Amino acid sequence: MNVRFACPMCDLPIKAQLPVSQAACPHCDHLVALQPIPTDESLTRCVVCENAQLYRKKDFPHGLGLTILTLACLGSAIPYYLYHQWLTWTILIGTAVFDGLLYLLVGDVIVCYRCNAHYRGVQQCDVARPFELGTGERYRQERLRREQLRQ
């Protein structure tokens, strides 16, 4: 299992292969202490900030998804303009099938609400549920308050 999180000193990304007890920032050499994970490699809380609220999402770049959608819309507009309905529908339905296959093939990533640490390769995580907007907003407000206090 590996984890990617922001350095508390310089806010640049740190990557670490778990299990380790500490990770060094490659940019500022700050050492970040990481909490140990259980021996059965089940993730019950964040190893960076010890928060027990985690969520699960697809590990897929949003920019690539939007690019595929944009190309499908632009690609179907030309045959639609030329009154080639079957080609228009083929492009749109083909893109939807391709999107569905990508959804099935792409794995999940576990994310911490508080520190936004991303965990890949997690074998078992019973506490991670899909993203909840209320919980996410609460932690976003907490980050904004901490930022204001820092300044």
Protein backbone atom coordinates (compact mmCIF):
# COMPACT_ATOMS: atom_id res chain seq x y z
CA MET A 1 0.00 0.00 0.00
CA ASN A 2 1.29 3.47 -0.78
CA VAL A 3 0.20 6.89 0.41
CA ARG A 4 0.51 10.38 -1.09
CA PHE A 5 -0.02 13.44 1.10
CA ALA A 6 1.03 17.08 1.39
CA CYS A 7 4.02 18.05 3.49
CA PRO A 8 2.89 20.09 6.53
CA MET A 9 5.80 22.52 6.08
CA CYS A 10 5.92 23.25 2.32
CA ASP A 11 2.58 21.76 1.07
CA LEU A 12 4.36 19.81 -1.68
CA PRO A 13 3.48 16.14 -2.23
CA ILE A 14 5.19 13.29 -0.38
CA LYS A 15 4.90 9.66 -1.49
CA ALA A 16 5.60 6.79 0.88
CA GLN A 17 5.35 3.02 0.62
CA LEU A 18 3.71 1.67 3.77
CA PRO A 19 4.55 0.33 6.31
CA VAL A 20 7.11 2.93 7.37
CA SER A 21 7.32 4.92 10.58
CA GLN A 22 8.27 8.24 8.98
CA ALA A 23 8.51 9.88 5.57
CA ALA A 24 10.92 12.61 4.50
CA CYS A 25 9.81 15.43 2.24
CA PRO A 26 12.00 15.40 -0.88
CA HIS A 27 11.72 19.20 -1.16
CA CYS A 28 12.34 20.55 2.34
CA ASP A 29 13.70 17.40 4.14
CA HIS A 30 11.01 17.67 6.83
CA LEU A 31 10.36 14.34 8.57
CA VAL A 32 6.69 13.41 8.99
CA ALA A 33 5.86 10.72 11.55
CA LEU A 34 3.37 8.14 10.29
CA GLN A 35 1.19 5.99 12.51
CA PRO A 36 1.60 2.20 12.23
CA ILE A 37 -1.00 0.21 10.32
CA PRO A 38 -2.42 -3.05 11.69
CA THR A 39 -0.64 -6.28 10.79
CA ASP A 40 -3.58 -7.47 8.66
CA GLU A 41 -3.06 -4.37 6.43
CA SER A 42 -6.62 -3.14 6.90
CA LEU A 43 -6.85 0.62 6.93
CA THR A 44 -9.01 1.86 9.80
CA ARG A 45 -7.73 5.44 10.10
CA CYS A 46 -5.39 7.83 8.33
CA VAL A 47 -1.72 7.15 9.11
CA VAL A 48 -0.84 10.83 8.60
CA CYS A 49 -3.40 12.66 10.78
CA GLU A 50 -5.12 9.72 12.57
CA ASN A 51 -8.54 10.76 11.30
CA ALA A 52 -11.07 7.91 11.22
CA GLN A 53 -13.24 9.47 8.51
CA LEU A 54 -12.14 8.24 5.09
CA TYR A 55 -13.93 8.05 1.77
CA ARG A 56 -13.60 5.93 -1.36
CA LYS A 57 -13.49 7.26 -4.92
CA LYS A 58 -12.39 6.09 -8.35
CA ASP A 59 -8.70 6.62 -9.09
CA PHE A 60 -9.28 8.33 -12.43
CA PRO A 61 -8.01 11.74 -13.60
CA HIS A 62 -10.94 14.11 -14.05
CA GLY A 63 -9.18 16.00 -16.85
CA LEU A 64 -9.00 12.86 -18.98
CA GLY A 65 -12.70 12.18 -18.42
CA LEU A 66 -13.65 15.70 -19.46
CA THR A 67 -11.41 15.46 -22.53
CA ILE A 68 -13.12 12.22 -23.61
CA LEU A 69 -16.55 13.81 -23.10
CA THR A 70 -15.57 16.96 -25.03
CA LEU A 71 -14.15 14.96 -27.95
CA ALA A 72 -17.30 12.82 -28.09
CA CYS A 73 -19.54 15.89 -28.18
CA LEU A 74 -17.43 17.60 -30.83
CA GLY A 75 -17.07 14.38 -32.81
CA SER A 76 -20.81 13.78 -32.83
CA ALA A 77 -21.70 17.37 -33.77
CA ILE A 78 -20.28 17.06 -37.30
CA PRO A 79 -22.27 13.95 -38.32
CA TYR A 80 -25.33 15.45 -36.65
CA TYR A 81 -24.94 18.60 -38.74
CA LEU A 82 -24.59 16.45 -41.89
CA TYR A 83 -27.77 14.48 -40.96
CA HIS A 84 -25.91 11.19 -40.35
CA GLN A 85 -27.96 10.08 -37.37
CA TRP A 86 -26.50 6.57 -37.12
CA LEU A 87 -22.94 7.85 -37.01
CA THR A 88 -23.90 10.44 -34.39
CA TRP A 89 -25.53 7.81 -32.17
CA THR A 90 -22.64 5.39 -32.75
CA ILE A 91 -20.16 7.98 -31.51
CA LEU A 92 -22.25 8.89 -28.46
CA ILE A 93 -23.16 5.32 -27.46
CA GLY A 94 -19.62 4.09 -28.18
CA THR A 95 -18.24 6.77 -25.87
CA ALA A 96 -20.74 5.79 -23.16
CA VAL A 97 -19.68 2.12 -23.46
CA PHE A 98 -15.99 3.14 -23.34
CA ASP A 99 -16.70 5.26 -20.25
CA GLY A 100 -18.48 2.32 -18.58
CA LEU A 101 -15.53 0.01 -19.28
CA LEU A 102 -13.11 2.55 -17.84
CA TYR A 103 -15.27 2.79 -14.72
CA LEU A 104 -15.11 -0.98 -14.26
CA LEU A 105 -11.36 -1.26 -14.93
CA VAL A 106 -10.13 1.66 -12.84
CA GLY A 107 -9.43 0.86 -9.19
CA ASP A 108 -10.43 2.76 -6.09
CA VAL A 109 -8.41 5.13 -3.95
CA ILE A 110 -9.09 5.83 -0.26
CA VAL A 111 -8.90 9.51 0.71
CA CYS A 112 -8.76 11.16 4.13
CA TYR A 113 -11.25 13.99 4.62
CA ARG A 114 -8.94 16.00 6.90
CA CYS A 115 -5.48 15.87 5.28
CA ASN A 116 -6.45 14.67 1.78
CA ALA A 117 -4.00 11.75 1.91
CA HIS A 118 -4.54 9.28 -0.96
CA TYR A 119 -4.09 5.55 -0.27
CA ARG A 120 -3.59 3.20 -3.22
CA GLY A 121 -3.34 -0.57 -3.07
CA VAL A 122 -5.42 -0.93 0.10
CA GLN A 123 -6.41 -4.55 0.66
CA GLN A 124 -9.26 -3.91 3.08
CA CYS A 125 -10.90 -0.75 4.39
CA ASP A 126 -14.26 -1.16 6.07
CA VAL A 127 -14.54 2.46 7.28
CA ALA A 128 -14.32 4.11 3.83
CA ARG A 129 -17.71 5.01 2.39
CA PRO A 130 -18.53 7.08 -0.71
CA PHE A 131 -17.94 10.82 -0.43
CA GLU A 132 -20.45 12.68 1.75
CA LEU A 133 -20.87 16.35 0.93
CA GLY A 134 -21.71 17.41 4.50
CA THR A 135 -18.61 15.76 5.95
CA GLY A 136 -16.44 17.12 3.14
CA GLU A 137 -17.75 20.65 3.70
CA ARG A 138 -17.09 20.41 7.44
CA TYR A 139 -13.44 19.50 6.83
CA ARG A 140 -13.11 22.16 4.11
CA GLN A 141 -14.28 24.78 6.61
CA GLU A 142 -11.80 23.39 9.15
CA ARG A 143 -8.95 23.76 6.61
CA LEU A 144 -9.99 27.36 5.89
CA ARG A 145 -10.02 28.21 9.62
CA ARG A 146 -6.56 26.67 10.10
CA GLU A 147 -5.28 28.66 7.12
CA GLN A 148 -6.66 31.90 8.56
CA LEU A 149 -5.05 31.20 11.93
CA ARG A 150 -1.74 30.48 10.22
CA GLN A 151 -1.76 33.92 8.57
